[in-house]
Amino acid sequence: MVLCHNPHYTIRVDEHWSGEIRYLCWQKPKGILEKPNLVIRNGKCTESPGMDKAEYVFRDGDLTYTLERIVSKGKYATTHIFLEVTDGDNQKSTWKMEEKPLPKYLEGLL
């Protein structure tokens, strides 16, 4: 569904074979073939009718992780991905992420 990264983290949002939406996060320098540092299950996905925006929401204790993927429309479509983490006091931290292409050797496995 989404594979993205920034200088500190690699994040993957996928749909498990059971239909469950999962959030997996690796702290760099770990790669996606290693055990993730964080796995959150039972996420919720909301997509816009035009399929140009998707929001994935995951709860882990008093933290809420929201990954938003926006694809601009037009001839030169660009993908923007943002990660927002909100704590129980509604304090938010936001990071801009970059889309990461799936490595060729994983295309058939995920």
PDB file of N, CA and C in Angstrom:
ATOM      1  N   MET A   1       0.822  -1.178   0.000  1.00  0.00           N
ATOM      2  CA  MET A   1       0.000   0.000   0.000  1.00  0.00           C
ATOM      3  C   MET A   1       0.876   1.257   0.000  1.00  0.00           C
ATOM      4  N   VAL A   2       1.833   1.330   0.983  1.00  0.00           N
ATOM      5  CA  VAL A   2       2.761   2.466   1.040  1.00  0.00           C
ATOM      6  C   VAL A   2       4.114   1.957   1.526  1.00  0.00           C
ATOM      7  N   LEU A   3       5.160   2.404   0.882  1.00  0.00           N
ATOM      8  CA  LEU A   3       6.528   2.186   1.345  1.00  0.00           C
ATOM      9  C   LEU A   3       7.215   3.537   1.225  1.00  0.00           C
ATOM     10  N   CYS A   4       7.685   4.060   2.366  1.00  0.00           N
ATOM     11  CA  CYS A   4       8.289   5.391   2.361  1.00  0.00           C
ATOM     12  C   CYS A   4       9.424   5.445   3.376  1.00  0.00           C
ATOM     13  N   HIS A   5      10.190   6.552   3.308  1.00  0.00           N
ATOM     14  CA  HIS A   5      11.314   6.690   4.233  1.00  0.00           C
ATOM     15  C   HIS A   5      11.687   8.155   4.384  1.00  0.00           C
ATOM     16  N   ASN A   6      12.485   8.412   5.406  1.00  0.00           N
ATOM     17  CA  ASN A   6      13.147   9.705   5.606  1.00  0.00           C
ATOM     18  C   ASN A   6      14.539   9.366   6.132  1.00  0.00           C
ATOM     19  N   PRO A   7      15.351  10.324   6.536  1.00  0.00           N
ATOM     20  CA  PRO A   7      16.700   9.979   6.986  1.00  0.00           C
ATOM     21  C   PRO A   7      16.755   9.075   8.225  1.00  0.00           C
ATOM     22  N   HIS A   8      15.642   8.963   8.971  1.00  0.00           N
ATOM     23  CA  HIS A   8      15.665   8.216  10.226  1.00  0.00           C
ATOM     24  C   HIS A   8      14.881   6.904  10.201  1.00  0.00           C
ATOM     25  N   TYR A   9      13.829   6.830   9.380  1.00  0.00           N
ATOM     26  CA  TYR A   9      12.920   5.682   9.421  1.00  0.00           C
ATOM     27  C   TYR A   9      12.527   5.218   8.029  1.00  0.00           C
ATOM     28  N   THR A  10      12.206   3.934   7.942  1.00  0.00           N
ATOM     29  CA  THR A  10      11.536   3.358   6.783  1.00  0.00           C
ATOM     30  C   THR A  10      10.205   2.826   7.289  1.00  0.00           C
ATOM     31  N   ILE A  11       9.121   3.152   6.572  1.00  0.00           N
ATOM     32  CA  ILE A  11       7.781   2.760   7.002  1.00  0.00           C
ATOM     33  C   ILE A  11       7.085   2.045   5.861  1.00  0.00           C
ATOM     34  N   ARG A  12       6.411   0.966   6.232  1.00  0.00           N
ATOM     35  CA  ARG A  12       5.598   0.239   5.263  1.00  0.00           C
ATOM     36  C   ARG A  12       4.207   0.061   5.843  1.00  0.00           C
ATOM     37  N   VAL A  13       3.206   0.373   5.052  1.00  0.00           N
ATOM     38  CA  VAL A  13       1.819   0.080   5.401  1.00  0.00           C
ATOM     39  C   VAL A  13       1.374  -0.967   4.400  1.00  0.00           C
ATOM     40  N   ASP A  14       0.902  -2.099   4.910  1.00  0.00           N
ATOM     41  CA  ASP A  14       0.468  -3.157   4.007  1.00  0.00           C
ATOM     42  C   ASP A  14      -0.823  -3.775   4.500  1.00  0.00           C
ATOM     43  N   GLU A  15      -1.395  -4.573   3.621  1.00  0.00           N
ATOM     44  CA  GLU A  15      -2.596  -5.321   3.989  1.00  0.00           C
ATOM     45  C   GLU A  15      -2.189  -6.772   4.131  1.00  0.00           C
ATOM     46  N   HIS A  16      -2.318  -7.289   5.324  1.00  0.00           N
ATOM     47  CA  HIS A  16      -1.982  -8.673   5.625  1.00  0.00           C
ATOM     48  C   HIS A  16      -2.955  -9.579   4.881  1.00  0.00           C
ATOM     49  N   TRP A  17      -2.594 -10.818   4.673  1.00  0.00           N
ATOM     50  CA  TRP A  17      -3.454 -11.760   3.955  1.00  0.00           C
ATOM     51  C   TRP A  17      -4.830 -11.881   4.600  1.00  0.00           C
ATOM     52  N   SER A  18      -4.936 -11.584   5.890  1.00  0.00           N
ATOM     53  CA  SER A  18      -6.218 -11.679   6.605  1.00  0.00           C
ATOM     54  C   SER A  18      -7.109 -10.450   6.380  1.00  0.00           C
ATOM     55  N   GLY A  19      -6.575  -9.426   5.678  1.00  0.00           N
ATOM     56  CA  GLY A  19      -7.325  -8.195   5.464  1.00  0.00           C
ATOM     57  C   GLY A  19      -6.958  -7.098   6.445  1.00  0.00           C
ATOM     58  N   GLU A  20      -6.176  -7.450   7.441  1.00  0.00           N
ATOM     59  CA  GLU A  20      -5.741  -6.483   8.451  1.00  0.00           C
ATOM     60  C   GLU A  20      -4.715  -5.509   7.852  1.00  0.00           C
ATOM     61  N   ILE A  21      -4.853  -4.222   8.178  1.00  0.00           N
ATOM     62  CA  ILE A  21      -3.900  -3.208   7.715  1.00  0.00           C
ATOM     63  C   ILE A  21      -2.855  -3.012   8.804  1.00  0.00           C
ATOM     64  N   ARG A  22      -1.576  -3.124   8.420  1.00  0.00           N
ATOM     65  CA  ARG A  22      -0.480  -3.057   9.384  1.00  0.00           C
ATOM     66  C   ARG A  22       0.462  -1.901   9.079  1.00  0.00           C
ATOM     67  N   TYR A  23       1.056  -1.373  10.154  1.00  0.00           N
ATOM     68  CA  TYR A  23       2.088  -0.332  10.099  1.00  0.00           C
ATOM     69  C   TYR A  23       3.366  -0.979  10.585  1.00  0.00           C
ATOM     70  N   LEU A  24       4.406  -0.936   9.772  1.00  0.00           N
ATOM     71  CA  LEU A  24       5.706  -1.490  10.147  1.00  0.00           C
ATOM     72  C   LEU A  24       6.740  -0.385  10.008  1.00  0.00           C
ATOM     73  N   CYS A  25       7.592  -0.247  11.011  1.00  0.00           N
ATOM     74  CA  CYS A  25       8.586   0.820  11.014  1.00  0.00           C
ATOM     75  C   CYS A  25       9.952   0.258  11.397  1.00  0.00           C
ATOM     76  N   TRP A  26      10.952   0.627  10.597  1.00  0.00           N
ATOM     77  CA  TRP A  26      12.338   0.262  10.859  1.00  0.00           C
ATOM     78  C   TRP A  26      13.126   1.535  11.122  1.00  0.00           C
ATOM     79  N   GLN A  27      13.875   1.543  12.203  1.00  0.00           N
ATOM     80  CA  GLN A  27      14.769   2.670  12.462  1.00  0.00           C
ATOM     81  C   GLN A  27      16.051   2.407  11.685  1.00  0.00           C
ATOM     82  N   LYS A  28      16.474   3.385  10.906  1.00  0.00           N
ATOM     83  CA  LYS A  28      17.680   3.217  10.100  1.00  0.00           C
ATOM     84  C   LYS A  28      18.900   3.075  11.005  1.00  0.00           C
ATOM     85  N   PRO A  29      19.842   2.250  10.676  1.00  0.00           N
ATOM     86  CA  PRO A  29      20.153   1.704   9.361  1.00  0.00           C
ATOM     87  C   PRO A  29      19.477   0.362   9.053  1.00  0.00           C
ATOM     88  N   LYS A  30      18.546  -0.115   9.888  1.00  0.00           N
ATOM     89  CA  LYS A  30      17.873  -1.380   9.603  1.00  0.00           C
ATOM     90  C   LYS A  30      17.166  -1.316   8.257  1.00  0.00           C
ATOM     91  N   GLY A  31      17.154  -2.460   7.558  1.00  0.00           N
ATOM     92  CA  GLY A  31      16.460  -2.565   6.280  1.00  0.00           C
ATOM     93  C   GLY A  31      15.181  -3.363   6.426  1.00  0.00           C
ATOM     94  N   ILE A  32      14.357  -3.380   5.372  1.00  0.00           N
ATOM     95  CA  ILE A  32      13.052  -4.029   5.469  1.00  0.00           C
ATOM     96  C   ILE A  32      13.107  -5.557   5.472  1.00  0.00           C
ATOM     97  N   LEU A  33      14.280  -6.133   5.283  1.00  0.00           N
ATOM     98  CA  LEU A  33      14.408  -7.581   5.429  1.00  0.00           C
ATOM     99  C   LEU A  33      14.678  -7.978   6.880  1.00  0.00           C
ATOM    100  N   GLU A  34      14.930  -6.990   7.726  1.00  0.00           N
ATOM    101  CA  GLU A  34      15.155  -7.240   9.147  1.00  0.00           C
ATOM    102  C   GLU A  34      13.848  -7.085   9.919  1.00  0.00           C
ATOM    103  N   LYS A  35      13.862  -7.505  11.180  1.00  0.00           N
ATOM    104  CA  LYS A  35      12.678  -7.390  12.032  1.00  0.00           C
ATOM    105  C   LYS A  35      12.386  -5.905  12.283  1.00  0.00           C
ATOM    106  N   PRO A  36      11.128  -5.470  12.074  1.00  0.00           N
ATOM    107  CA  PRO A  36      10.802  -4.049  12.303  1.00  0.00           C
ATOM    108  C   PRO A  36      10.909  -3.670  13.776  1.00  0.00           C
ATOM    109  N   ASN A  37      11.187  -2.387  14.037  1.00  0.00           N
ATOM    110  CA  ASN A  37      11.234  -1.875  15.401  1.00  0.00           C
ATOM    111  C   ASN A  37       9.837  -1.708  15.989  1.00  0.00           C
ATOM    112  N   LEU A  38       8.851  -1.499  15.109  1.00  0.00           N
ATOM    113  CA  LEU A  38       7.484  -1.265  15.572  1.00  0.00           C
ATOM    114  C   LEU A  38       6.510  -1.863  14.568  1.00  0.00           C
ATOM    115  N   VAL A  39       5.545  -2.619  15.081  1.00  0.00           N
ATOM    116  CA  VAL A  39       4.462  -3.158  14.257  1.00  0.00           C
ATOM    117  C   VAL A  39       3.158  -2.808  14.960  1.00  0.00           C
ATOM    118  N   ILE A  40       2.252  -2.155  14.230  1.00  0.00           N
ATOM    119  CA  ILE A  40       0.935  -1.829  14.782  1.00  0.00           C
ATOM    120  C   ILE A  40      -0.104  -2.458  13.862  1.00  0.00           C
ATOM    121  N   ARG A  41      -1.005  -3.204  14.448  1.00  0.00           N
ATOM    122  CA  ARG A  41      -2.029  -3.911  13.682  1.00  0.00           C
ATOM    123  C   ARG A  41      -3.370  -3.178  13.757  1.00  0.00           C
ATOM    124  N   ASN A  42      -4.293  -3.634  12.958  1.00  0.00           N
ATOM    125  CA  ASN A  42      -5.682  -3.154  12.969  1.00  0.00           C
ATOM    126  C   ASN A  42      -5.813  -1.683  12.612  1.00  0.00           C
ATOM    127  N   GLY A  43      -5.088  -1.243  11.601  1.00  0.00           N
ATOM    128  CA  GLY A  43      -5.203   0.134  11.138  1.00  0.00           C
ATOM    129  C   GLY A  43      -6.478   0.347  10.353  1.00  0.00           C
ATOM    130  N   LYS A  44      -6.818   1.590  10.171  1.00  0.00           N
ATOM    131  CA  LYS A  44      -7.993   1.988   9.393  1.00  0.00           C
ATOM    132  C   LYS A  44      -7.517   2.792   8.188  1.00  0.00           C
ATOM    133  N   CYS A  45      -8.158   2.579   7.057  1.00  0.00           N
ATOM    134  CA  CYS A  45      -7.800   3.296   5.828  1.00  0.00           C
ATOM    135  C   CYS A  45      -9.023   4.040   5.316  1.00  0.00           C
ATOM    136  N   THR A  46      -8.815   5.297   4.958  1.00  0.00           N
ATOM    137  CA  THR A  46      -9.851   6.107   4.324  1.00  0.00           C
ATOM    138  C   THR A  46      -9.274   6.637   3.028  1.00  0.00           C
ATOM    139  N   GLU A  47      -9.975   6.384   1.920  1.00  0.00           N
ATOM    140  CA  GLU A  47      -9.528   6.877   0.614  1.00  0.00           C
ATOM    141  C   GLU A  47     -10.551   7.855   0.062  1.00  0.00           C
ATOM    142  N   SER A  48     -10.054   8.871  -0.628  1.00  0.00           N
ATOM    143  CA  SER A  48     -10.943   9.846  -1.263  1.00  0.00           C
ATOM    144  C   SER A  48     -11.606   9.201  -2.473  1.00  0.00           C
ATOM    145  N   PRO A  49     -12.772   9.715  -2.867  1.00  0.00           N
ATOM    146  CA  PRO A  49     -13.455   9.144  -4.038  1.00  0.00           C
ATOM    147  C   PRO A  49     -12.601   9.173  -5.306  1.00  0.00           C
ATOM    148  N   GLY A  50     -11.776  10.189  -5.472  1.00  0.00           N
ATOM    149  CA  GLY A  50     -10.917  10.285  -6.650  1.00  0.00           C
ATOM    150  C   GLY A  50      -9.656   9.459  -6.557  1.00  0.00           C
ATOM    151  N   MET A  51      -9.475   8.736  -5.448  1.00  0.00           N
ATOM    152  CA  MET A  51      -8.304   7.891  -5.205  1.00  0.00           C
ATOM    153  C   MET A  51      -6.997   8.684  -5.217  1.00  0.00           C
ATOM    154  N   ASP A  52      -7.076  10.007  -4.982  1.00  0.00           N
ATOM    155  CA  ASP A  52      -5.867  10.826  -4.973  1.00  0.00           C
ATOM    156  C   ASP A  52      -5.359  11.075  -3.552  1.00  0.00           C
ATOM    157  N   LYS A  53      -6.100  10.609  -2.554  1.00  0.00           N
ATOM    158  CA  LYS A  53      -5.681  10.791  -1.169  1.00  0.00           C
ATOM    159  C   LYS A  53      -6.089   9.569  -0.358  1.00  0.00           C
ATOM    160  N   ALA A  54      -5.144   9.078   0.454  1.00  0.00           N
ATOM    161  CA  ALA A  54      -5.423   7.968   1.365  1.00  0.00           C
ATOM    162  C   ALA A  54      -4.844   8.313   2.729  1.00  0.00           C
ATOM    163  N   GLU A  55      -5.598   7.981   3.755  1.00  0.00           N
ATOM    164  CA  GLU A  55      -5.151   8.233   5.130  1.00  0.00           C
ATOM    165  C   GLU A  55      -5.224   6.918   5.891  1.00  0.00           C
ATOM    166  N   TYR A  56      -4.110   6.560   6.524  1.00  0.00           N
ATOM    167  CA  TYR A  56      -4.002   5.329   7.296  1.00  0.00           C
ATOM    168  C   TYR A  56      -3.799   5.724   8.751  1.00  0.00           C
ATOM    169  N   VAL A  57      -4.647   5.214   9.642  1.00  0.00           N
ATOM    170  CA  VAL A  57      -4.595   5.596  11.052  1.00  0.00           C
ATOM    171  C   VAL A  57      -4.376   4.345  11.898  1.00  0.00           C
ATOM    172  N   PHE A  58      -3.402   4.450  12.814  1.00  0.00           N
ATOM    173  CA  PHE A  58      -3.036   3.343  13.695  1.00  0.00           C
ATOM    174  C   PHE A  58      -2.941   3.855  15.124  1.00  0.00           C
ATOM    175  N   ARG A  59      -3.438   3.068  16.069  1.00  0.00           N
ATOM    176  CA  ARG A  59      -3.353   3.451  17.478  1.00  0.00           C
ATOM    177  C   ARG A  59      -2.460   2.459  18.215  1.00  0.00           C
ATOM    178  N   ASP A  60      -1.564   3.018  19.045  1.00  0.00           N
ATOM    179  CA  ASP A  60      -0.654   2.204  19.853  1.00  0.00           C
ATOM    180  C   ASP A  60      -0.558   2.863  21.218  1.00  0.00           C
ATOM    181  N   GLY A  61      -1.299   2.349  22.198  1.00  0.00           N
ATOM    182  CA  GLY A  61      -1.345   2.987  23.511  1.00  0.00           C
ATOM    183  C   GLY A  61      -1.981   4.352  23.387  1.00  0.00           C
ATOM    184  N   ASP A  62      -1.313   5.386  23.932  1.00  0.00           N
ATOM    185  CA  ASP A  62      -1.867   6.742  23.831  1.00  0.00           C
ATOM    186  C   ASP A  62      -1.350   7.498  22.604  1.00  0.00           C
ATOM    187  N   LEU A  63      -0.660   6.789  21.707  1.00  0.00           N
ATOM    188  CA  LEU A  63      -0.152   7.422  20.482  1.00  0.00           C
ATOM    189  C   LEU A  63      -1.011   7.042  19.283  1.00  0.00           C
ATOM    190  N   THR A  64      -1.218   8.013  18.404  1.00  0.00           N
ATOM    191  CA  THR A  64      -1.915   7.776  17.143  1.00  0.00           C
ATOM    192  C   THR A  64      -0.964   8.125  16.010  1.00  0.00           C
ATOM    193  N   TYR A  65      -0.763   7.183  15.114  1.00  0.00           N
ATOM    194  CA  TYR A  65       0.096   7.359  13.947  1.00  0.00           C
ATOM    195  C   TYR A  65      -0.812   7.519  12.730  1.00  0.00           C
ATOM    196  N   THR A  66      -0.660   8.619  12.007  1.00  0.00           N
ATOM    197  CA  THR A  66      -1.451   8.870  10.808  1.00  0.00           C
ATOM    198  C   THR A  66      -0.495   9.071   9.644  1.00  0.00           C
ATOM    199  N   LEU A  67      -0.639   8.234   8.646  1.00  0.00           N
ATOM    200  CA  LEU A  67       0.166   8.355   7.431  1.00  0.00           C
ATOM    201  C   LEU A  67      -0.777   8.802   6.321  1.00  0.00           C
ATOM    202  N   GLU A  68      -0.461   9.929   5.710  1.00  0.00           N
ATOM    203  CA  GLU A  68      -1.300  10.487   4.656  1.00  0.00           C
ATOM    204  C   GLU A  68      -0.523  10.464   3.345  1.00  0.00           C
ATOM    205  N   ARG A  69      -1.146   9.906   2.315  1.00  0.00           N
ATOM    206  CA  ARG A  69      -0.529   9.816   0.990  1.00  0.00           C
ATOM    207  C   ARG A  69      -1.398  10.588   0.014  1.00  0.00           C
ATOM    208  N   ILE A  70      -0.815  11.605  -0.599  1.00  0.00           N
ATOM    209  CA  ILE A  70      -1.543  12.480  -1.516  1.00  0.00           C
ATOM    210  C   ILE A  70      -0.852  12.420  -2.870  1.00  0.00           C
ATOM    211  N   VAL A  71      -1.624  12.174  -3.925  1.00  0.00           N
ATOM    212  CA  VAL A  71      -1.091  12.157  -5.285  1.00  0.00           C
ATOM    213  C   VAL A  71      -1.699  13.343  -6.016  1.00  0.00           C
ATOM    214  N   SER A  72      -0.852  14.281  -6.427  1.00  0.00           N
ATOM    215  CA  SER A  72      -1.349  15.449  -7.152  1.00  0.00           C
ATOM    216  C   SER A  72      -1.855  15.010  -8.518  1.00  0.00           C
ATOM    217  N   LYS A  73      -2.863  15.709  -8.995  1.00  0.00           N
ATOM    218  CA  LYS A  73      -3.439  15.382 -10.295  1.00  0.00           C
ATOM    219  C   LYS A  73      -2.727  16.174 -11.383  1.00  0.00           C
ATOM    220  N   GLY A  74      -2.864  15.699 -12.582  1.00  0.00           N
ATOM    221  CA  GLY A  74      -2.262  16.407 -13.694  1.00  0.00           C
ATOM    222  C   GLY A  74      -1.252  15.555 -14.431  1.00  0.00           C
ATOM    223  N   LYS A  75      -0.672  16.156 -15.432  1.00  0.00           N
ATOM    224  CA  LYS A  75       0.274  15.455 -16.301  1.00  0.00           C
ATOM    225  C   LYS A  75       1.501  14.961 -15.535  1.00  0.00           C
ATOM    226  N   TYR A  76       1.978  15.771 -14.605  1.00  0.00           N
ATOM    227  CA  TYR A  76       3.182  15.409 -13.845  1.00  0.00           C
ATOM    228  C   TYR A  76       2.812  15.121 -12.395  1.00  0.00           C
ATOM    229  N   ALA A  77       2.038  14.069 -12.170  1.00  0.00           N
ATOM    230  CA  ALA A  77       1.566  13.712 -10.837  1.00  0.00           C
ATOM    231  C   ALA A  77       2.749  13.469  -9.899  1.00  0.00           C
ATOM    232  N   THR A  78       2.633  14.004  -8.704  1.00  0.00           N
ATOM    233  CA  THR A  78       3.658  13.856  -7.673  1.00  0.00           C
ATOM    234  C   THR A  78       3.017  13.272  -6.432  1.00  0.00           C
ATOM    235  N   THR A  79       3.729  12.396  -5.741  1.00  0.00           N
ATOM    236  CA  THR A  79       3.215  11.804  -4.511  1.00  0.00           C
ATOM    237  C   THR A  79       3.845  12.507  -3.314  1.00  0.00           C
ATOM    238  N   HIS A  80       2.999  12.885  -2.359  1.00  0.00           N
ATOM    239  CA  HIS A  80       3.445  13.489  -1.107  1.00  0.00           C
ATOM    240  C   HIS A  80       2.973  12.587   0.032  1.00  0.00           C
ATOM    241  N   ILE A  81       3.868  12.316   0.970  1.00  0.00           N
ATOM    242  CA  ILE A  81       3.529  11.453   2.104  1.00  0.00           C
ATOM    243  C   ILE A  81       3.941  12.166   3.384  1.00  0.00           C
ATOM    244  N   PHE A  82       3.022  12.180   4.353  1.00  0.00           N
ATOM    245  CA  PHE A  82       3.279  12.821   5.637  1.00  0.00           C
ATOM    246  C   PHE A  82       2.956  11.840   6.751  1.00  0.00           C
ATOM    247  N   LEU A  83       3.794  11.820   7.767  1.00  0.00           N
ATOM    248  CA  LEU A  83       3.555  11.029   8.968  1.00  0.00           C
ATOM    249  C   LEU A  83       3.317  11.988  10.120  1.00  0.00           C
ATOM    250  N   GLU A  84       2.228  11.782  10.831  1.00  0.00           N
ATOM    251  CA  GLU A  84       1.914  12.598  12.001  1.00  0.00           C
ATOM    252  C   GLU A  84       1.717  11.669  13.188  1.00  0.00           C
ATOM    253  N   VAL A  85       2.381  11.956  14.290  1.00  0.00           N
ATOM    254  CA  VAL A  85       2.226  11.185  15.517  1.00  0.00           C
ATOM    255  C   VAL A  85       1.652  12.118  16.569  1.00  0.00           C
ATOM    256  N   THR A  86       0.518  11.710  17.136  1.00  0.00           N
ATOM    257  CA  THR A  86      -0.179  12.514  18.134  1.00  0.00           C
ATOM    258  C   THR A  86      -0.210  11.740  19.450  1.00  0.00           C
ATOM    259  N   ASP A  87       0.135  12.420  20.553  1.00  0.00           N
ATOM    260  CA  ASP A  87       0.093  11.750  21.853  1.00  0.00           C
ATOM    261  C   ASP A  87      -1.242  12.037  22.541  1.00  0.00           C
ATOM    262  N   GLY A  88      -1.411  11.519  23.752  1.00  0.00           N
ATOM    263  CA  GLY A  88      -2.652  11.664  24.506  1.00  0.00           C
ATOM    264  C   GLY A  88      -2.998  13.100  24.847  1.00  0.00           C
ATOM    265  N   ASP A  89      -2.028  14.010  24.851  1.00  0.00           N
ATOM    266  CA  ASP A  89      -2.266  15.426  25.131  1.00  0.00           C
ATOM    267  C   ASP A  89      -2.458  16.227  23.844  1.00  0.00           C
ATOM    268  N   ASN A  90      -2.656  15.533  22.728  1.00  0.00           N
ATOM    269  CA  ASN A  90      -2.822  16.147  21.406  1.00  0.00           C
ATOM    270  C   ASN A  90      -1.595  16.931  20.940  1.00  0.00           C
ATOM    271  N   GLN A  91      -0.415  16.580  21.451  1.00  0.00           N
ATOM    272  CA  GLN A  91       0.832  17.142  20.945  1.00  0.00           C
ATOM    273  C   GLN A  91       1.197  16.372  19.679  1.00  0.00           C
ATOM    274  N   LYS A  92       1.476  17.103  18.605  1.00  0.00           N
ATOM    275  CA  LYS A  92       1.718  16.462  17.321  1.00  0.00           C
ATOM    276  C   LYS A  92       3.148  16.679  16.846  1.00  0.00           C
ATOM    277  N   SER A  93       3.666  15.652  16.210  1.00  0.00           N
ATOM    278  CA  SER A  93       4.939  15.743  15.500  1.00  0.00           C
ATOM    279  C   SER A  93       4.661  15.282  14.080  1.00  0.00           C
ATOM    280  N   THR A  94       5.177  16.015  13.090  1.00  0.00           N
ATOM    281  CA  THR A  94       4.911  15.699  11.694  1.00  0.00           C
ATOM    282  C   THR A  94       6.227  15.612  10.927  1.00  0.00           C
ATOM    283  N   TRP A  95       6.308  14.621  10.050  1.00  0.00           N
ATOM    284  CA  TRP A  95       7.482  14.434   9.208  1.00  0.00           C
ATOM    285  C   TRP A  95       7.040  14.274   7.759  1.00  0.00           C
ATOM    286  N   LYS A  96       7.791  14.863   6.859  1.00  0.00           N
ATOM    287  CA  LYS A  96       7.582  14.629   5.427  1.00  0.00           C
ATOM    288  C   LYS A  96       8.386  13.386   5.073  1.00  0.00           C
ATOM    289  N   MET A  97       7.750  12.482   4.393  1.00  0.00           N
ATOM    290  CA  MET A  97       8.378  11.234   3.988  1.00  0.00           C
ATOM    291  C   MET A  97       8.539  11.234   2.472  1.00  0.00           C
ATOM    292  N   GLU A  98       9.391  10.354   1.980  1.00  0.00           N
ATOM    293  CA  GLU A  98       9.571  10.184   0.541  1.00  0.00           C
ATOM    294  C   GLU A  98       9.133   8.784   0.163  1.00  0.00           C
ATOM    295  N   GLU A  99       8.448   8.695  -0.963  1.00  0.00           N
ATOM    296  CA  GLU A  99       8.052   7.386  -1.460  1.00  0.00           C
ATOM    297  C   GLU A  99       9.311   6.591  -1.786  1.00  0.00           C
ATOM    298  N   LYS A 100       9.295   5.321  -1.450  1.00  0.00           N
ATOM    299  CA  LYS A 100      10.453   4.459  -1.686  1.00  0.00           C
ATOM    300  C   LYS A 100       9.998   3.334  -2.613  1.00  0.00           C
ATOM    301  N   PRO A 101      10.657   3.166  -3.748  1.00  0.00           N
ATOM    302  CA  PRO A 101      10.256   2.071  -4.639  1.00  0.00           C
ATOM    303  C   PRO A 101      10.538   0.718  -3.988  1.00  0.00           C
ATOM    304  N   LEU A 102       9.678  -0.231  -4.271  1.00  0.00           N
ATOM    305  CA  LEU A 102       9.857  -1.581  -3.757  1.00  0.00           C
ATOM    306  C   LEU A 102      11.033  -2.228  -4.472  1.00  0.00           C
ATOM    307  N   PRO A 103      11.990  -2.773  -3.718  1.00  0.00           N
ATOM    308  CA  PRO A 103      13.127  -3.451  -4.371  1.00  0.00           C
ATOM    309  C   PRO A 103      12.637  -4.591  -5.258  1.00  0.00           C
ATOM    310  N   LYS A 104      13.261  -4.753  -6.400  1.00  0.00           N
ATOM    311  CA  LYS A 104      12.850  -5.787  -7.382  1.00  0.00           C
ATOM    312  C   LYS A 104      12.777  -7.168  -6.746  1.00  0.00           C
ATOM    313  N   TYR A 105      13.709  -7.496  -5.845  1.00  0.00           N
ATOM    314  CA  TYR A 105      13.740  -8.829  -5.272  1.00  0.00           C
ATOM    315  C   TYR A 105      12.583  -9.079  -4.314  1.00  0.00           C
ATOM    316  N   LEU A 106      11.822  -8.043  -3.951  1.00  0.00           N
ATOM    317  CA  LEU A 106      10.674  -8.220  -3.055  1.00  0.00           C
ATOM    318  C   LEU A 106       9.332  -8.151  -3.769  1.00  0.00           C
ATOM    319  N   GLU A 107       9.309  -7.766  -5.025  1.00  0.00           N
ATOM    320  CA  GLU A 107       8.042  -7.538  -5.726  1.00  0.00           C
ATOM    321  C   GLU A 107       7.098  -8.735  -5.668  1.00  0.00           C
ATOM    322  N   GLY A 108       7.588  -9.925  -5.787  1.00  0.00           N
ATOM    323  CA  GLY A 108       6.731 -11.098  -5.751  1.00  0.00           C
ATOM    324  C   GLY A 108       6.410 -11.597  -4.356  1.00  0.00           C
ATOM    325  N   LEU A 109       7.112 -11.100  -3.345  1.00  0.00           N
ATOM    326  CA  LEU A 109       6.927 -11.600  -1.992  1.00  0.00           C
ATOM    327  C   LEU A 109       5.906 -10.822  -1.167  1.00  0.00           C
ATOM    328  N   LEU A 110       5.738  -9.530  -1.444  1.00  0.00           N
ATOM    329  CA  LEU A 110       4.866  -8.696  -0.612  1.00  0.00           C
ATOM    330  C   LEU A 110       3.536  -8.458  -1.283  1.00  0.00           C
TER     331      LEU A 110
END
